[in-house]
Amino acid sequence: MKLDILAIGAHPDDVELGCGGTIAKEISNGKSVGIIDLTRGELGTRGTEETRAEESAEAAKILGVSVRENLGFADGFFVNDKKHQLEIIKMIRKYQPEIVLCNAIDDRHIDHGKGSKLVSDACFLSGLKKIETEMDGISQEQWRPKLVYHYIQWKNIEPDFVVDISDFIEMKEKAVYAYKTQFFDPASKEPETPISSKNFTDSINYRARDLGRLVGVKFAEGFTSERYVAVENLFDLK
């Protein structure tokens, strides 16, 4: 299955939080989108590996993605090495995306920065013919995504560009809230975490609203780019 966009996150919920609105918008425009989670989020304070799997499946259903896979890397302990790069290369070659969206280049959680660099490196290596991979006993052909963009997470990193998600903020929030064990719930008896506070839940909306304010729309999501962002002409800019 060839995809237009492959969104990759270190943990289930990274993609929804970082670029859920953009994914929903692109799907509405007829693009095919898939999600790959590097880990199962098994070290998360709240919930379990099993509940996280159920929640990620529900979130994928809400967004309408074509496929979602989990690579089962060790939460908190995966590294950017040949073994892990090859597993991601297999996924890139399997789905042949034009665009890859991945974790923030620098963030509070150590897996986010690690995951960002790991995926970025794998995107480059996937285009090298002499790196041989197989899937289901069949040799894969090299494939390099045209573009790699990094969504913004905990830290307020200055974006290189933003996407208007005004018509999709509600779908983004619904997909995020599918992770009901992870976020604010006044009835929950689980320990509090930085992302389980009401302030964090509220930030999903007000951060998107603030980015939208800065570009003259209601809601937006921000991204950073590894290279200059090019446009055909000045009228492509809003």
Protein backbone atom coordinates (compact mmCIF):
# COMPACT_ATOMS: atom_id res chain seq x y z
CA MET A 1 0.00 0.00 0.00
CA LYS A 2 1.46 3.33 -1.04
CA LEU A 3 0.73 6.28 1.22
CA ASP A 4 0.91 9.99 0.57
CA ILE A 5 1.87 10.76 4.17
CA LEU A 6 3.40 8.62 6.91
CA ALA A 7 3.17 10.12 10.40
CA ILE A 8 5.56 8.60 12.95
CA GLY A 9 5.59 9.09 16.71
CA ALA A 10 7.71 7.75 19.53
CA HIS A 11 4.58 6.97 21.55
CA PRO A 12 0.92 6.38 20.82
CA ASP A 13 -0.70 9.87 21.11
CA ASP A 14 2.37 11.80 19.84
CA VAL A 15 0.97 12.01 16.33
CA GLU A 16 -2.52 13.01 17.46
CA LEU A 17 -1.17 15.75 19.70
CA GLY A 18 1.39 17.03 17.22
CA CYS A 19 -0.36 16.84 13.87
CA GLY A 20 -3.80 15.29 14.31
CA GLY A 21 -5.54 18.26 12.70
CA THR A 22 -3.23 18.27 9.70
CA ILE A 23 -3.72 14.54 9.18
CA ALA A 24 -7.50 14.91 9.33
CA LYS A 25 -7.35 17.78 6.84
CA GLU A 26 -5.16 15.90 4.37
CA ILE A 27 -7.41 12.83 4.54
CA SER A 28 -10.42 15.05 3.80
CA ASN A 29 -8.50 16.28 0.75
CA GLY A 30 -8.21 12.72 -0.51
CA LYS A 31 -4.68 11.95 0.69
CA SER A 32 -3.83 8.54 2.12
CA VAL A 33 -2.21 8.69 5.55
CA GLY A 34 -0.74 6.07 7.86
CA ILE A 35 0.62 6.18 11.41
CA ILE A 36 3.53 4.27 12.89
CA ASP A 37 4.20 4.27 16.64
CA LEU A 38 7.76 3.38 17.58
CA THR A 39 6.91 2.15 21.09
CA ARG A 40 3.84 0.97 22.96
CA GLY A 41 4.24 3.67 25.60
CA GLU A 42 4.68 0.94 28.20
CA LEU A 43 6.57 3.17 30.62
CA GLY A 44 3.73 5.65 30.82
CA THR A 45 2.64 6.33 34.41
CA ARG A 46 -1.06 6.08 33.63
CA GLY A 47 -2.84 3.26 31.87
CA THR A 48 -1.28 0.07 30.54
CA GLU A 49 0.23 -1.20 27.32
CA GLU A 50 -3.10 -2.86 26.57
CA THR A 51 -5.26 0.20 27.18
CA ARG A 52 -2.86 2.32 25.13
CA ALA A 53 -3.25 -0.10 22.21
CA GLU A 54 -7.04 0.13 22.43
CA GLU A 55 -6.89 3.92 22.62
CA SER A 56 -4.54 4.24 19.65
CA ALA A 57 -6.85 2.06 17.55
CA GLU A 58 -9.82 4.26 18.46
CA ALA A 59 -7.86 7.43 17.66
CA ALA A 60 -6.86 6.03 14.26
CA LYS A 61 -10.50 5.25 13.55
CA ILE A 62 -11.52 8.81 14.43
CA LEU A 63 -8.89 10.33 12.14
CA GLY A 64 -9.66 7.87 9.36
CA VAL A 65 -6.08 6.80 8.65
CA SER A 66 -5.49 3.96 6.22
CA VAL A 67 -3.18 1.95 8.49
CA ARG A 68 -1.54 2.08 11.92
CA GLU A 69 1.38 -0.07 13.03
CA ASN A 70 3.48 -0.32 16.17
CA LEU A 71 7.15 -1.30 15.91
CA GLY A 72 7.41 -2.31 19.57
CA PHE A 73 10.68 -0.50 20.30
CA ALA A 74 11.59 -0.21 23.99
CA ASP A 75 9.89 2.84 25.49
CA GLY A 76 12.53 5.16 26.93
CA PHE A 77 15.44 2.97 25.84
CA PHE A 78 15.39 2.69 22.05
CA VAL A 79 18.44 4.15 20.35
CA ASN A 80 19.40 5.51 16.96
CA ASP A 81 21.40 2.58 15.65
CA LYS A 82 21.48 0.28 12.63
CA LYS A 83 18.98 -2.19 14.07
CA HIS A 84 16.31 0.42 14.71
CA GLN A 85 17.04 2.34 11.51
CA LEU A 86 16.53 -0.80 9.44
CA GLU A 87 13.12 -1.43 10.98
CA ILE A 88 11.98 2.06 10.04
CA ILE A 89 13.55 1.75 6.57
CA LYS A 90 11.38 -1.32 6.03
CA MET A 91 8.28 0.72 6.87
CA ILE A 92 9.30 3.59 4.61
CA ARG A 93 9.91 1.21 1.73
CA LYS A 94 6.69 -0.64 2.46
CA TYR A 95 4.50 2.48 2.33
CA GLN A 96 6.60 4.71 0.04
CA PRO A 97 5.31 8.02 1.46
CA GLU A 98 5.94 11.32 -0.26
CA ILE A 99 5.96 13.09 3.12
CA VAL A 100 7.01 11.90 6.56
CA LEU A 101 5.87 13.71 9.70
CA CYS A 102 7.82 12.93 12.87
CA ASN A 103 8.61 14.01 16.41
CA ALA A 104 9.88 17.42 17.48
CA ILE A 105 13.64 17.83 17.05
CA ASP A 106 13.99 18.85 20.72
CA ASP A 107 11.51 18.26 23.50
CA ARG A 108 10.92 17.49 27.17
CA HIS A 109 10.60 13.72 26.70
CA ILE A 110 13.91 12.14 25.68
CA ASP A 111 12.19 9.79 23.24
CA HIS A 112 10.90 12.68 21.16
CA GLY A 113 14.29 14.06 20.17
CA LYS A 114 15.69 10.54 19.75
CA GLY A 115 12.74 9.50 17.65
CA SER A 116 13.01 12.61 15.53
CA LYS A 117 16.65 11.98 14.59
CA LEU A 118 16.13 8.22 14.20
CA VAL A 119 13.30 8.69 11.72
CA SER A 120 15.08 11.47 9.86
CA ASP A 121 18.22 9.35 9.45
CA ALA A 122 16.16 6.35 8.33
CA CYS A 123 14.41 8.47 5.70
CA PHE A 124 17.77 9.30 4.16
CA LEU A 125 19.19 5.80 4.40
CA SER A 126 16.04 4.32 2.89
CA GLY A 127 17.00 5.90 -0.40
CA LEU A 128 20.32 4.07 -0.63
CA LYS A 129 20.15 1.14 -3.03
CA LYS A 130 22.95 -0.81 -1.37
CA ILE A 131 21.03 -1.07 1.90
CA GLU A 132 19.09 -4.27 1.35
CA THR A 133 15.87 -5.07 3.20
CA GLU A 134 13.19 -7.70 2.90
CA MET A 135 9.56 -7.91 3.97
CA ASP A 136 7.64 -11.19 3.90
CA GLY A 137 10.57 -12.74 2.03
CA ILE A 138 10.44 -10.19 -0.78
CA SER A 139 13.28 -7.74 -1.44
CA GLN A 140 12.30 -4.11 -1.08
CA GLU A 141 13.28 -1.31 -3.43
CA GLN A 142 14.87 1.85 -2.11
CA TRP A 143 12.58 4.79 -1.36
CA ARG A 144 13.31 8.23 0.02
CA PRO A 145 10.47 10.56 1.06
CA LYS A 146 10.53 13.91 -0.69
CA LEU A 147 9.94 15.84 2.52
CA VAL A 148 10.44 15.32 6.26
CA TYR A 149 8.64 17.66 8.64
CA HIS A 150 8.70 17.75 12.44
CA TYR A 151 5.59 18.57 14.42
CA ILE A 152 5.73 20.64 17.60
CA GLN A 153 5.13 19.00 20.98
CA TRP A 154 5.77 20.10 24.58
CA LYS A 155 8.18 22.94 23.89
CA ASN A 156 7.06 26.05 22.05
CA ILE A 157 9.49 25.66 19.18
CA GLU A 158 9.27 28.39 16.55
CA PRO A 159 7.60 26.82 13.49
CA ASP A 160 8.93 27.18 9.95
CA PHE A 161 5.36 27.01 8.67
CA VAL A 162 1.86 26.39 9.97
CA VAL A 163 -1.17 24.54 8.63
CA ASP A 164 -4.68 25.96 8.99
CA ILE A 165 -6.71 23.31 10.86
CA SER A 166 -9.69 25.51 11.71
CA ASP A 167 -12.20 23.00 10.36
CA PHE A 168 -10.48 20.06 12.03
CA ILE A 169 -9.71 21.16 15.59
CA GLU A 170 -12.68 19.22 16.96
CA MET A 171 -11.59 16.03 15.21
CA LYS A 172 -8.04 16.50 16.52
CA GLU A 173 -9.32 16.94 20.08
CA LYS A 174 -11.60 13.91 19.78
CA ALA A 175 -8.67 11.78 18.60
CA VAL A 176 -6.50 13.02 21.48
CA TYR A 177 -9.22 12.39 24.04
CA ALA A 178 -9.48 8.80 22.82
CA TYR A 179 -6.46 8.33 25.10
CA LYS A 180 -8.71 8.61 28.11
CA THR A 181 -6.22 7.03 30.52
CA GLN A 182 -3.56 9.60 29.69
CA PHE A 183 -5.28 12.95 30.02
CA PHE A 184 -7.33 14.96 32.48
CA ASP A 185 -10.04 13.02 34.25
CA PRO A 186 -11.22 14.33 37.63
CA ALA A 187 -12.57 10.87 38.51
CA SER A 188 -9.28 9.08 37.83
CA LYS A 189 -7.39 7.56 40.77
CA GLU A 190 -4.14 7.30 38.81
CA PRO A 191 -1.08 9.42 39.65
CA GLU A 192 -0.93 12.88 38.15
CA THR A 193 1.51 13.54 35.32
CA PRO A 194 2.48 16.66 33.35
CA ILE A 195 0.01 15.73 30.60
CA SER A 196 -2.87 14.70 32.87
CA SER A 197 -3.53 18.24 34.11
CA LYS A 198 -6.46 20.31 32.90
CA ASN A 199 -3.98 22.97 31.85
CA PHE A 200 -2.39 20.54 29.41
CA THR A 201 -5.75 19.45 28.05
CA ASP A 202 -6.76 23.08 27.59
CA SER A 203 -3.43 23.79 25.88
CA ILE A 204 -4.36 21.56 22.96
CA ASN A 205 -6.94 24.14 22.00
CA TYR A 206 -5.31 27.38 23.08
CA ARG A 207 -1.93 26.61 21.49
CA ALA A 208 -3.64 25.85 18.18
CA ARG A 209 -5.72 28.99 18.59
CA ASP A 210 -2.62 31.08 19.26
CA LEU A 211 -0.79 29.75 16.21
CA GLY A 212 -3.91 30.45 14.20
CA ARG A 213 -4.09 33.99 15.58
CA LEU A 214 -0.56 34.68 14.38
CA VAL A 215 -1.46 33.82 10.78
CA GLY A 216 -5.02 35.09 10.69
CA VAL A 217 -6.99 31.85 11.01
CA LYS A 218 -8.87 30.26 13.90
CA PHE A 219 -6.62 27.25 14.59
CA ALA A 220 -3.29 26.01 13.24
CA GLU A 221 -0.55 23.43 13.79
CA GLY A 222 3.13 24.25 13.44
CA PHE A 223 5.98 22.33 11.85
CA THR A 224 9.72 22.68 11.41
CA SER A 225 11.51 21.68 8.24
CA GLU A 226 14.97 20.22 7.65
CA ARG A 227 15.38 22.30 4.52
CA TYR A 228 14.05 25.54 3.04
CA VAL A 229 10.33 25.53 2.38
CA ALA A 230 9.80 26.34 -1.32
CA VAL A 231 6.67 27.69 -3.03
CA GLU A 232 5.78 28.06 -6.70
CA ASN A 233 5.01 31.77 -6.37
CA LEU A 234 4.31 34.48 -3.78
CA PHE A 235 0.57 33.87 -4.02
CA ASP A 236 0.99 30.42 -2.47
CA LEU A 237 1.82 32.20 0.79
CA LYS A 238 -1.04 33.22 3.05
